[in-house]
Amino acid sequence: MDGNRHKRKTERRPKKPLSPAQLHDLALSYAARYATSAAKLERYLQRKLYERGWDEAAGSTPPDVAGLVADFVAKGYVDDEAYARMRAGDLLRRGYGGARVNQALGQAGIGEQVREDVAPGEAEKRRAALHLAQKRRFGPFASQPVDREKREKAIAAMLRAGHTFDHARAVIDAETEDQARRWLAEAEDWDDDSSL
């Protein structure tokens, strides 16, 4: 008898198909809970429709997911540019390079123009490369002298993180931490001069 009771607990009842109001509520709770892009919200809603189905009695026409997402964008609940700025800043602070930032934004459905608008400047790219090197103890931040094989592995890790070869090599080949920081300061000076 205990086996039957246990079996009943683990069996899940199928969830009821979604009505227009439930679909709207799902979209609203998702947008409120997560920083999201319009494309990510649309994928989420499509997945929920696939999992639960559509209640034909509640809404005779198929759901207009794209229209619902467009309505959320118009109301300001979803803002691709704000999402892109937030996500790019987060990735750069974690030490990822410009290529990785662009890739992540593309996967989130951010348009090319917005990706170009939020693309990191030279100083931001260098700061991220330096941060990654410091965090992973590459180049001048290594506790012991590095042989050729470890140097190549460090460069490969920086390339996978989205940094350019020139940035990876500049950081890894810096002889001291001060030299690496001067390399960063050089780009910060360029950015300061261009803002005048």
N, C-alpha and C. Protein backbone atom coordinates (compact mmCIF):
# COMPACT_ATOMS: atom_id res chain seq x y z
N MET A 1 0.83 -1.20 0.00
CA MET A 1 0.00 0.00 0.00
C MET A 1 0.86 1.26 0.00
N ASP A 2 1.98 1.22 0.74
CA ASP A 2 2.87 2.38 0.76
C ASP A 2 3.44 2.66 -0.62
N GLY A 3 3.66 1.62 -1.42
CA GLY A 3 4.20 1.79 -2.76
C GLY A 3 3.26 2.58 -3.65
N ASN A 4 1.94 2.34 -3.51
CA ASN A 4 0.97 3.09 -4.32
C ASN A 4 0.91 4.55 -3.93
N ARG A 5 1.00 4.81 -2.63
CA ARG A 5 0.95 6.20 -2.17
C ARG A 5 2.19 6.95 -2.67
N HIS A 6 3.33 6.28 -2.61
CA HIS A 6 4.56 6.90 -3.10
C HIS A 6 4.47 7.17 -4.61
N LYS A 7 3.88 6.22 -5.32
CA LYS A 7 3.76 6.38 -6.77
C LYS A 7 2.87 7.57 -7.11
N ARG A 8 1.79 7.75 -6.34
CA ARG A 8 0.89 8.88 -6.58
C ARG A 8 1.59 10.22 -6.33
N LYS A 9 2.47 10.25 -5.34
CA LYS A 9 3.18 11.50 -5.04
C LYS A 9 4.14 11.89 -6.16
N THR A 10 4.79 10.89 -6.74
CA THR A 10 5.79 11.22 -7.77
C THR A 10 5.18 11.48 -9.13
N GLU A 11 3.97 10.98 -9.38
CA GLU A 11 3.33 11.25 -10.66
C GLU A 11 2.87 12.70 -10.69
N ARG A 12 3.18 13.34 -11.77
CA ARG A 12 2.74 14.73 -11.90
C ARG A 12 1.52 14.78 -12.79
N ARG A 13 0.59 15.55 -12.35
CA ARG A 13 -0.57 15.78 -13.20
C ARG A 13 -0.16 16.73 -14.31
N PRO A 14 -0.64 16.47 -15.50
CA PRO A 14 -0.30 17.41 -16.58
C PRO A 14 -0.90 18.79 -16.28
N LYS A 15 -0.09 19.80 -16.55
CA LYS A 15 -0.58 21.16 -16.31
C LYS A 15 -1.61 21.53 -17.36
N LYS A 16 -2.53 22.37 -16.96
CA LYS A 16 -3.58 22.80 -17.87
C LYS A 16 -2.99 23.68 -18.97
N PRO A 17 -3.58 23.62 -20.15
CA PRO A 17 -3.11 24.49 -21.24
C PRO A 17 -3.23 25.96 -20.86
N LEU A 18 -2.42 26.77 -21.48
CA LEU A 18 -2.37 28.20 -21.16
C LEU A 18 -3.52 28.97 -21.80
N SER A 19 -4.03 29.89 -21.03
CA SER A 19 -5.03 30.84 -21.55
C SER A 19 -4.30 32.15 -21.86
N PRO A 20 -4.94 33.07 -22.56
CA PRO A 20 -4.28 34.35 -22.83
C PRO A 20 -3.83 35.07 -21.56
N ALA A 21 -4.66 35.04 -20.51
CA ALA A 21 -4.31 35.71 -19.26
C ALA A 21 -3.11 35.04 -18.60
N GLN A 22 -3.08 33.71 -18.62
CA GLN A 22 -1.95 33.00 -18.03
C GLN A 22 -0.66 33.26 -18.80
N LEU A 23 -0.75 33.33 -20.11
CA LEU A 23 0.42 33.62 -20.93
C LEU A 23 0.96 35.02 -20.60
N HIS A 24 0.06 35.97 -20.46
CA HIS A 24 0.44 37.33 -20.09
C HIS A 24 1.09 37.34 -18.70
N ASP A 25 0.51 36.61 -17.77
CA ASP A 25 1.06 36.56 -16.41
C ASP A 25 2.45 35.91 -16.39
N LEU A 26 2.64 34.86 -17.19
CA LEU A 26 3.95 34.24 -17.29
C LEU A 26 4.98 35.24 -17.81
N ALA A 27 4.61 35.96 -18.85
CA ALA A 27 5.52 36.96 -19.43
C ALA A 27 5.84 38.05 -18.41
N LEU A 28 4.83 38.49 -17.69
CA LEU A 28 5.03 39.55 -16.71
C LEU A 28 5.93 39.10 -15.58
N SER A 29 5.70 37.90 -15.07
CA SER A 29 6.54 37.43 -13.96
C SER A 29 7.98 37.18 -14.42
N TYR A 30 8.15 36.70 -15.64
CA TYR A 30 9.51 36.47 -16.17
C TYR A 30 10.25 37.79 -16.34
N ALA A 31 9.58 38.79 -16.91
CA ALA A 31 10.21 40.10 -17.12
C ALA A 31 10.51 40.79 -15.78
N ALA A 32 9.67 40.56 -14.78
CA ALA A 32 9.90 41.16 -13.48
C ALA A 32 11.03 40.48 -12.73
N ARG A 33 11.18 39.19 -12.93
CA ARG A 33 12.16 38.42 -12.17
C ARG A 33 13.56 38.46 -12.79
N TYR A 34 13.65 38.48 -14.09
CA TYR A 34 14.94 38.38 -14.78
C TYR A 34 15.17 39.59 -15.68
N ALA A 35 16.44 40.00 -15.73
CA ALA A 35 16.82 40.97 -16.76
C ALA A 35 16.81 40.17 -18.06
N THR A 36 16.08 40.65 -19.03
CA THR A 36 15.91 39.85 -20.24
C THR A 36 15.86 40.73 -21.48
N SER A 37 16.07 40.09 -22.60
CA SER A 37 15.91 40.76 -23.89
C SER A 37 14.58 40.32 -24.49
N ALA A 38 14.14 41.01 -25.52
CA ALA A 38 12.88 40.65 -26.16
C ALA A 38 12.95 39.24 -26.74
N ALA A 39 14.08 38.89 -27.34
CA ALA A 39 14.23 37.56 -27.94
C ALA A 39 14.20 36.46 -26.88
N LYS A 40 14.84 36.71 -25.74
CA LYS A 40 14.84 35.71 -24.67
C LYS A 40 13.44 35.52 -24.10
N LEU A 41 12.69 36.62 -23.95
CA LEU A 41 11.32 36.52 -23.46
C LEU A 41 10.46 35.73 -24.45
N GLU A 42 10.64 36.00 -25.72
CA GLU A 42 9.87 35.28 -26.74
C GLU A 42 10.19 33.79 -26.72
N ARG A 43 11.46 33.44 -26.61
CA ARG A 43 11.85 32.02 -26.53
C ARG A 43 11.23 31.34 -25.31
N TYR A 44 11.24 32.05 -24.18
CA TYR A 44 10.65 31.51 -22.96
C TYR A 44 9.16 31.22 -23.14
N LEU A 45 8.43 32.18 -23.71
CA LEU A 45 6.99 32.01 -23.90
C LEU A 45 6.71 30.88 -24.90
N GLN A 46 7.49 30.80 -25.95
CA GLN A 46 7.31 29.72 -26.93
C GLN A 46 7.54 28.36 -26.26
N ARG A 47 8.55 28.28 -25.39
CA ARG A 47 8.82 27.03 -24.69
C ARG A 47 7.66 26.65 -23.77
N LYS A 48 7.10 27.62 -23.07
CA LYS A 48 5.96 27.35 -22.19
C LYS A 48 4.75 26.89 -22.99
N LEU A 49 4.53 27.49 -24.14
CA LEU A 49 3.43 27.05 -25.00
C LEU A 49 3.65 25.63 -25.49
N TYR A 50 4.87 25.30 -25.81
CA TYR A 50 5.19 23.94 -26.27
C TYR A 50 4.96 22.94 -25.13
N GLU A 51 5.38 23.30 -23.92
CA GLU A 51 5.25 22.40 -22.78
C GLU A 51 3.80 22.20 -22.35
N ARG A 52 3.02 23.27 -22.34
CA ARG A 52 1.68 23.20 -21.77
C ARG A 52 0.56 23.21 -22.79
N GLY A 53 0.84 23.72 -23.96
CA GLY A 53 -0.21 23.80 -24.97
C GLY A 53 -1.04 25.06 -24.82
N TRP A 54 -2.00 25.20 -25.73
CA TRP A 54 -2.85 26.40 -25.77
C TRP A 54 -4.29 26.00 -25.52
N ASP A 55 -4.95 26.71 -24.65
CA ASP A 55 -6.34 26.44 -24.32
C ASP A 55 -7.23 27.00 -25.43
N GLU A 56 -7.68 26.12 -26.31
CA GLU A 56 -8.50 26.54 -27.46
C GLU A 56 -9.80 27.19 -27.02
N ALA A 57 -10.36 26.76 -25.88
CA ALA A 57 -11.63 27.32 -25.42
C ALA A 57 -11.45 28.76 -24.94
N ALA A 58 -10.32 29.04 -24.28
CA ALA A 58 -10.09 30.38 -23.74
C ALA A 58 -9.73 31.38 -24.83
N GLY A 59 -9.03 30.94 -25.82
CA GLY A 59 -8.63 31.84 -26.90
C GLY A 59 -8.67 31.07 -28.20
N SER A 60 -9.66 31.36 -29.02
CA SER A 60 -9.84 30.58 -30.23
C SER A 60 -8.71 30.80 -31.24
N THR A 61 -8.11 31.96 -31.22
CA THR A 61 -7.01 32.21 -32.15
C THR A 61 -5.70 31.79 -31.50
N PRO A 62 -4.72 31.41 -32.30
CA PRO A 62 -3.42 31.07 -31.72
C PRO A 62 -2.82 32.28 -31.01
N PRO A 63 -2.00 32.03 -30.00
CA PRO A 63 -1.45 33.16 -29.24
C PRO A 63 -0.49 33.98 -30.08
N ASP A 64 -0.53 35.29 -29.89
CA ASP A 64 0.36 36.21 -30.59
C ASP A 64 1.53 36.53 -29.65
N VAL A 65 2.50 35.62 -29.58
CA VAL A 65 3.64 35.80 -28.68
C VAL A 65 4.44 37.02 -29.08
N ALA A 66 4.70 37.19 -30.36
CA ALA A 66 5.48 38.34 -30.83
C ALA A 66 4.78 39.65 -30.47
N GLY A 67 3.45 39.67 -30.59
CA GLY A 67 2.69 40.87 -30.23
C GLY A 67 2.77 41.16 -28.74
N LEU A 68 2.72 40.11 -27.92
CA LEU A 68 2.82 40.27 -26.47
C LEU A 68 4.20 40.82 -26.09
N VAL A 69 5.23 40.29 -26.73
CA VAL A 69 6.59 40.77 -26.45
C VAL A 69 6.73 42.22 -26.91
N ALA A 70 6.20 42.54 -28.08
CA ALA A 70 6.26 43.93 -28.57
C ALA A 70 5.54 44.88 -27.63
N ASP A 71 4.43 44.42 -27.05
CA ASP A 71 3.69 45.23 -26.08
C ASP A 71 4.55 45.48 -24.84
N PHE A 72 5.28 44.46 -24.38
CA PHE A 72 6.16 44.61 -23.22
C PHE A 72 7.31 45.57 -23.52
N VAL A 73 7.81 45.52 -24.74
CA VAL A 73 8.88 46.44 -25.14
C VAL A 73 8.34 47.87 -25.17
N ALA A 74 7.14 48.05 -25.74
CA ALA A 74 6.53 49.38 -25.82
C ALA A 74 6.27 49.97 -24.43
N LYS A 75 5.90 49.12 -23.49
CA LYS A 75 5.62 49.57 -22.12
C LYS A 75 6.90 49.78 -21.31
N GLY A 76 8.04 49.34 -21.85
CA GLY A 76 9.31 49.51 -21.15
C GLY A 76 9.63 48.39 -20.17
N TYR A 77 8.87 47.32 -20.18
CA TYR A 77 9.15 46.18 -19.30
C TYR A 77 10.40 45.44 -19.77
N VAL A 78 10.65 45.48 -21.06
CA VAL A 78 11.82 44.83 -21.67
C VAL A 78 12.54 45.89 -22.49
N ASP A 79 13.84 46.03 -22.23
CA ASP A 79 14.64 47.04 -22.93
C ASP A 79 15.94 46.38 -23.37
N ASP A 80 16.05 46.10 -24.66
CA ASP A 80 17.23 45.40 -25.18
C ASP A 80 18.52 46.18 -24.95
N GLU A 81 18.48 47.49 -25.09
CA GLU A 81 19.70 48.28 -24.91
C GLU A 81 20.16 48.27 -23.46
N ALA A 82 19.23 48.43 -22.54
CA ALA A 82 19.59 48.38 -21.11
C ALA A 82 20.12 47.00 -20.75
N TYR A 83 19.47 45.95 -21.27
CA TYR A 83 19.95 44.59 -21.02
C TYR A 83 21.36 44.41 -21.57
N ALA A 84 21.59 44.90 -22.78
CA ALA A 84 22.90 44.74 -23.42
C ALA A 84 23.98 45.47 -22.62
N ARG A 85 23.70 46.67 -22.15
CA ARG A 85 24.68 47.41 -21.36
C ARG A 85 25.00 46.68 -20.06
N MET A 86 23.95 46.18 -19.40
CA MET A 86 24.14 45.47 -18.14
C MET A 86 24.94 44.19 -18.35
N ARG A 87 24.58 43.42 -19.36
CA ARG A 87 25.25 42.14 -19.62
C ARG A 87 26.70 42.35 -20.06
N ALA A 88 26.93 43.34 -20.92
CA ALA A 88 28.30 43.63 -21.36
C ALA A 88 29.17 44.05 -20.18
N GLY A 89 28.64 44.92 -19.34
CA GLY A 89 29.40 45.36 -18.16
C GLY A 89 29.72 44.21 -17.23
N ASP A 90 28.77 43.31 -17.05
CA ASP A 90 28.98 42.15 -16.19
C ASP A 90 30.09 41.26 -16.74
N LEU A 91 30.04 40.97 -18.02
CA LEU A 91 31.04 40.11 -18.63
C LEU A 91 32.43 40.74 -18.59
N LEU A 92 32.51 42.04 -18.85
CA LEU A 92 33.80 42.72 -18.82
C LEU A 92 34.38 42.72 -17.40
N ARG A 93 33.54 42.94 -16.40
CA ARG A 93 34.03 42.93 -15.02
C ARG A 93 34.53 41.54 -14.61
N ARG A 94 34.00 40.51 -15.23
CA ARG A 94 34.44 39.14 -14.94
C ARG A 94 35.68 38.75 -15.74
N GLY A 95 36.15 39.63 -16.63
CA GLY A 95 37.38 39.39 -17.35
C GLY A 95 37.21 38.87 -18.76
N TYR A 96 36.00 38.89 -19.29
CA TYR A 96 35.79 38.43 -20.66
C TYR A 96 36.08 39.57 -21.64
N GLY A 97 36.52 39.21 -22.83
CA GLY A 97 36.89 40.18 -23.85
C GLY A 97 35.74 40.58 -24.74
N GLY A 98 36.04 41.49 -25.66
CA GLY A 98 35.02 42.05 -26.54
C GLY A 98 34.33 41.01 -27.42
N ALA A 99 35.08 40.04 -27.92
CA ALA A 99 34.47 39.01 -28.78
C ALA A 99 33.47 38.17 -28.00
N ARG A 100 33.80 37.85 -26.78
CA ARG A 100 32.90 37.04 -25.94
C ARG A 100 31.65 37.84 -25.57
N VAL A 101 31.81 39.13 -25.33
CA VAL A 101 30.67 39.99 -25.03
C VAL A 101 29.74 40.03 -26.23
N ASN A 102 30.29 40.25 -27.41
CA ASN A 102 29.49 40.30 -28.64
C ASN A 102 28.75 38.98 -28.86
N GLN A 103 29.43 37.87 -28.63
CA GLN A 103 28.82 36.55 -28.80
C GLN A 103 27.66 36.35 -27.83
N ALA A 104 27.85 36.70 -26.58
CA ALA A 104 26.79 36.53 -25.57
C ALA A 104 25.57 37.39 -25.90
N LEU A 105 25.81 38.60 -26.36
CA LEU A 105 24.69 39.48 -26.71
C LEU A 105 23.96 38.97 -27.95
N GLY A 106 24.71 38.43 -28.90
CA GLY A 106 24.08 37.85 -30.09
C GLY A 106 23.21 36.66 -29.73
N GLN A 107 23.67 35.83 -28.80
CA GLN A 107 22.88 34.68 -28.37
C GLN A 107 21.63 35.11 -27.63
N ALA A 108 21.66 36.28 -27.01
CA ALA A 108 20.49 36.79 -26.30
C ALA A 108 19.52 37.50 -27.25
N GLY A 109 19.86 37.52 -28.55
CA GLY A 109 18.96 38.11 -29.53
C GLY A 109 19.09 39.62 -29.66
N ILE A 110 20.18 40.17 -29.19
CA ILE A 110 20.40 41.62 -29.29
C ILE A 110 20.84 41.94 -30.71
N GLY A 111 20.23 42.94 -31.31
CA GLY A 111 20.53 43.33 -32.68
C GLY A 111 21.94 43.86 -32.84
N GLU A 112 22.42 43.81 -34.07
CA GLU A 112 23.80 44.20 -34.36
C GLU A 112 24.07 45.66 -34.01
N GLN A 113 23.12 46.55 -34.29
CA GLN A 113 23.33 47.97 -34.00
C GLN A 113 23.49 48.21 -32.50
N VAL A 114 22.66 47.57 -31.70
CA VAL A 114 22.76 47.73 -30.24
C VAL A 114 24.08 47.14 -29.74
N ARG A 115 24.48 45.99 -30.30
CA ARG A 115 25.76 45.39 -29.91
C ARG A 115 26.92 46.34 -30.22
N GLU A 116 26.85 47.02 -31.37
CA GLU A 116 27.90 47.97 -31.72
C GLU A 116 27.90 49.16 -30.76
N ASP A 117 26.68 49.61 -30.37
CA ASP A 117 26.57 50.76 -29.46
C ASP A 117 27.15 50.48 -28.08
N VAL A 118 27.04 49.24 -27.61
CA VAL A 118 27.53 48.91 -26.27
C VAL A 118 28.88 48.22 -26.29
N ALA A 119 29.50 48.12 -27.46
CA ALA A 119 30.80 47.46 -27.57
C ALA A 119 31.81 48.18 -26.68
N PRO A 120 32.65 47.42 -25.98
CA PRO A 120 33.62 48.05 -25.08
C PRO A 120 34.69 48.81 -25.83
N GLY A 121 35.17 49.88 -25.21
CA GLY A 121 36.27 50.65 -25.77
C GLY A 121 37.60 49.96 -25.48
N GLU A 122 38.66 50.55 -25.98
CA GLU A 122 39.99 49.95 -25.82
C GLU A 122 40.37 49.81 -24.35
N ALA A 123 40.12 50.83 -23.56
CA ALA A 123 40.49 50.76 -22.14
C ALA A 123 39.69 49.66 -21.42
N GLU A 124 38.41 49.53 -21.74
CA GLU A 124 37.60 48.48 -21.11
C GLU A 124 38.10 47.09 -21.50
N LYS A 125 38.48 46.93 -22.75
CA LYS A 125 39.00 45.64 -23.20
C LYS A 125 40.31 45.31 -22.48
N ARG A 126 41.18 46.30 -22.35
CA ARG A 126 42.45 46.07 -21.68
C ARG A 126 42.24 45.79 -20.19
N ARG A 127 41.32 46.52 -19.57
CA ARG A 127 41.03 46.31 -18.16
C ARG A 127 40.53 44.88 -17.93
N ALA A 128 39.66 44.40 -18.82
CA ALA A 128 39.13 43.04 -18.70
C ALA A 128 40.25 42.02 -18.88
N ALA A 129 41.15 42.25 -19.83
CA ALA A 129 42.27 41.32 -20.05
C ALA A 129 43.17 41.28 -18.83
N LEU A 130 43.43 42.44 -18.26
CA LEU A 130 44.27 42.51 -17.08
C LEU A 130 43.60 41.82 -15.89
N HIS A 131 42.30 42.02 -15.77
CA HIS A 131 41.56 41.38 -14.67
C HIS A 131 41.63 39.86 -14.79
N LEU A 132 41.42 39.34 -15.99
CA LEU A 132 41.47 37.89 -16.19
C LEU A 132 42.86 37.36 -15.87
N ALA A 133 43.89 38.06 -16.32
CA ALA A 133 45.26 37.62 -16.06
C ALA A 133 45.56 37.62 -14.57
N GLN A 134 45.08 38.62 -13.89
CA GLN A 134 45.30 38.70 -12.44
C GLN A 134 44.54 37.59 -11.72
N LYS A 135 43.30 37.37 -12.12
CA LYS A 135 42.46 36.35 -11.50
C LYS A 135 43.02 34.94 -11.72
N ARG A 136 43.52 34.70 -12.93
CA ARG A 136 44.02 33.36 -13.27
C ARG A 136 45.53 33.22 -13.07
N ARG A 137 46.17 34.29 -12.59
CA ARG A 137 47.62 34.30 -12.32
C ARG A 137 48.44 34.03 -13.58
N PHE A 138 48.11 34.78 -14.63
CA PHE A 138 48.83 34.70 -15.89
C PHE A 138 49.88 35.80 -15.94
N GLY A 139 50.90 35.57 -16.74
CA GLY A 139 51.89 36.60 -17.03
C GLY A 139 52.57 37.13 -15.78
N PRO A 140 52.57 38.45 -15.59
CA PRO A 140 53.29 39.03 -14.46
C PRO A 140 52.64 38.70 -13.10
N PHE A 141 51.45 38.16 -13.11
CA PHE A 141 50.76 37.83 -11.86
C PHE A 141 51.03 36.39 -11.42
N ALA A 142 51.80 35.65 -12.21
CA ALA A 142 52.13 34.26 -11.87
C ALA A 142 53.05 34.24 -10.65
N SER A 143 52.88 33.24 -9.81
CA SER A 143 53.71 33.15 -8.60
C SER A 143 55.11 32.62 -8.89
N GLN A 144 55.26 31.91 -10.03
CA GLN A 144 56.56 31.35 -10.41
C GLN A 144 56.81 31.67 -11.89
N PRO A 145 58.07 31.65 -12.30
CA PRO A 145 58.35 31.85 -13.73
C PRO A 145 57.62 30.79 -14.57
N VAL A 146 57.15 31.21 -15.73
CA VAL A 146 56.32 30.35 -16.57
C VAL A 146 57.13 29.84 -17.76
N ASP A 147 57.01 28.54 -18.03
CA ASP A 147 57.69 27.98 -19.20
C ASP A 147 56.84 28.23 -20.45
N ARG A 148 57.38 27.87 -21.60
CA ARG A 148 56.73 28.14 -22.88
C ARG A 148 55.35 27.48 -22.99
N GLU A 149 55.22 26.24 -22.52
CA GLU A 149 53.94 25.52 -22.62
C GLU A 149 52.85 26.21 -21.79
N LYS A 150 53.19 26.64 -20.58
CA LYS A 150 52.21 27.33 -19.73
C LYS A 150 51.85 28.69 -20.31
N ARG A 151 52.84 29.35 -20.92
CA ARG A 151 52.57 30.64 -21.56
C ARG A 151 51.57 30.47 -22.69
N GLU A 152 51.76 29.44 -23.52
CA GLU A 152 50.84 29.18 -24.62
C GLU A 152 49.44 28.82 -24.12
N LYS A 153 49.38 28.07 -23.03
CA LYS A 153 48.07 27.73 -22.46
C LYS A 153 47.37 28.98 -21.92
N ALA A 154 48.14 29.86 -21.32
CA ALA A 154 47.56 31.11 -20.81
C ALA A 154 47.01 31.96 -21.95
N ILE A 155 47.77 32.06 -23.04
CA ILE A 155 47.30 32.83 -24.20
C ILE A 155 46.04 32.19 -24.76
N ALA A 156 46.02 30.87 -24.86
CA ALA A 156 44.83 30.17 -25.37
C ALA A 156 43.62 30.43 -24.49
N ALA A 157 43.82 30.44 -23.17
CA ALA A 157 42.71 30.71 -22.25
C ALA A 157 42.18 32.13 -22.45
N MET A 158 43.07 33.07 -22.68
CA MET A 158 42.64 34.45 -22.90
C MET A 158 41.91 34.58 -24.23
N LEU A 159 42.36 33.86 -25.23
CA LEU A 159 41.66 33.90 -26.52
C LEU A 159 40.26 33.30 -26.39
N ARG A 160 40.12 32.20 -25.64
CA ARG A 160 38.80 31.60 -25.42
C ARG A 160 37.88 32.54 -24.66
N ALA A 161 38.47 33.38 -23.82
CA ALA A 161 37.68 34.34 -23.05
C ALA A 161 37.27 35.55 -23.89
N GLY A 162 37.70 35.58 -25.16
CA GLY A 162 37.26 36.64 -26.06
C GLY A 162 38.21 37.79 -26.25
N HIS A 163 39.44 37.65 -25.77
CA HIS A 163 40.43 38.71 -25.94
C HIS A 163 41.16 38.53 -27.27
N THR A 164 41.66 39.63 -27.80
CA THR A 164 42.43 39.55 -29.04
C THR A 164 43.81 38.97 -28.73
N PHE A 165 44.45 38.47 -29.76
CA PHE A 165 45.78 37.91 -29.58
C PHE A 165 46.75 38.98 -29.09
N ASP A 166 46.64 40.20 -29.63
CA ASP A 166 47.53 41.28 -29.22
C ASP A 166 47.37 41.61 -27.74
N HIS A 167 46.13 41.64 -27.26
CA HIS A 167 45.90 41.93 -25.84
C HIS A 167 46.43 40.79 -24.97
N ALA A 168 46.16 39.56 -25.38
CA ALA A 168 46.63 38.41 -24.60
C ALA A 168 48.16 38.42 -24.51
N ARG A 169 48.79 38.64 -25.64
CA ARG A 169 50.25 38.64 -25.66
C ARG A 169 50.83 39.80 -24.85
N ALA A 170 50.19 40.97 -24.93
CA ALA A 170 50.69 42.13 -24.18
C ALA A 170 50.64 41.87 -22.68
N VAL A 171 49.57 41.26 -22.22
CA VAL A 171 49.44 40.99 -20.78
C VAL A 171 50.38 39.86 -20.36
N ILE A 172 50.37 38.78 -21.10
CA ILE A 172 51.18 37.61 -20.73
C ILE A 172 52.68 37.93 -20.79
N ASP A 173 53.09 38.74 -21.76
CA ASP A 173 54.51 39.05 -21.93
C ASP A 173 54.99 40.22 -21.07
N ALA A 174 54.08 40.87 -20.34
CA ALA A 174 54.51 41.95 -19.46
C ALA A 174 55.45 41.37 -18.40
N GLU A 175 56.56 42.03 -18.19
CA GLU A 175 57.56 41.50 -17.26
C GLU A 175 57.19 41.77 -15.81
N THR A 176 56.47 42.87 -15.56
CA THR A 176 56.07 43.19 -14.18
C THR A 176 54.61 43.61 -14.18
N GLU A 177 54.03 43.61 -13.00
CA GLU A 177 52.66 44.08 -12.85
C GLU A 177 52.55 45.55 -13.23
N ASP A 178 53.57 46.33 -12.88
CA ASP A 178 53.57 47.76 -13.22
C ASP A 178 53.54 47.96 -14.73
N GLN A 179 54.30 47.17 -15.45
CA GLN A 179 54.31 47.28 -16.91
C GLN A 179 52.91 46.98 -17.47
N ALA A 180 52.24 45.97 -16.94
CA ALA A 180 50.89 45.64 -17.39
C ALA A 180 49.92 46.77 -17.05
N ARG A 181 50.07 47.37 -15.89
CA ARG A 181 49.18 48.47 -15.50
C ARG A 181 49.45 49.73 -16.34
N ARG A 182 50.69 49.94 -16.73
CA ARG A 182 51.00 51.07 -17.62
C ARG A 182 50.36 50.86 -19.00
N TRP A 183 50.34 49.61 -19.45
CA TRP A 183 49.67 49.27 -20.72
C TRP A 183 48.19 49.64 -20.65
N LEU A 184 47.55 49.38 -19.51
CA LEU A 184 46.15 49.77 -19.31
C LEU A 184 46.02 51.29 -19.24
N ALA A 185 46.89 51.94 -18.47
CA ALA A 185 46.81 53.39 -18.31
C ALA A 185 46.97 54.11 -19.64
N GLU A 186 47.79 53.55 -20.53
CA GLU A 186 47.98 54.13 -21.86
C GLU A 186 46.65 54.23 -22.60
N ALA A 187 45.84 53.18 -22.55
CA ALA A 187 44.55 53.19 -23.23
C ALA A 187 43.57 54.12 -22.52
N GLU A 188 43.65 54.20 -21.20
CA GLU A 188 42.77 55.12 -20.47
C GLU A 188 43.08 56.56 -20.84
N ASP A 189 44.36 56.86 -21.04
CA ASP A 189 44.75 58.21 -21.47
C ASP A 189 44.19 58.51 -22.86
N TRP A 190 44.22 57.51 -23.76
CA TRP A 190 43.66 57.71 -25.10
C TRP A 190 42.18 58.03 -25.01
N ASP A 191 41.47 57.29 -24.15
CA ASP A 191 40.03 57.53 -24.01
C ASP A 191 39.75 58.91 -23.44
N ASP A 192 40.58 59.35 -22.47
CA ASP A 192 40.43 60.69 -21.90
C ASP A 192 40.66 61.77 -22.94
N ASP A 193 41.68 61.57 -23.78
CA ASP A 193 42.00 62.56 -24.83
C ASP A 193 40.89 62.64 -25.87
N SER A 194 40.29 61.50 -26.20
CA SER A 194 39.25 61.51 -27.22
C SER A 194 37.93 62.09 -26.71
N SER A 195 37.75 62.15 -25.37
CA SER A 195 36.51 62.70 -24.84
C SER A 195 36.56 64.21 -24.72
N LEU A 196 37.73 64.80 -24.90
CA LEU A 196 37.85 66.27 -24.79
C LEU A 196 37.25 66.98 -25.98
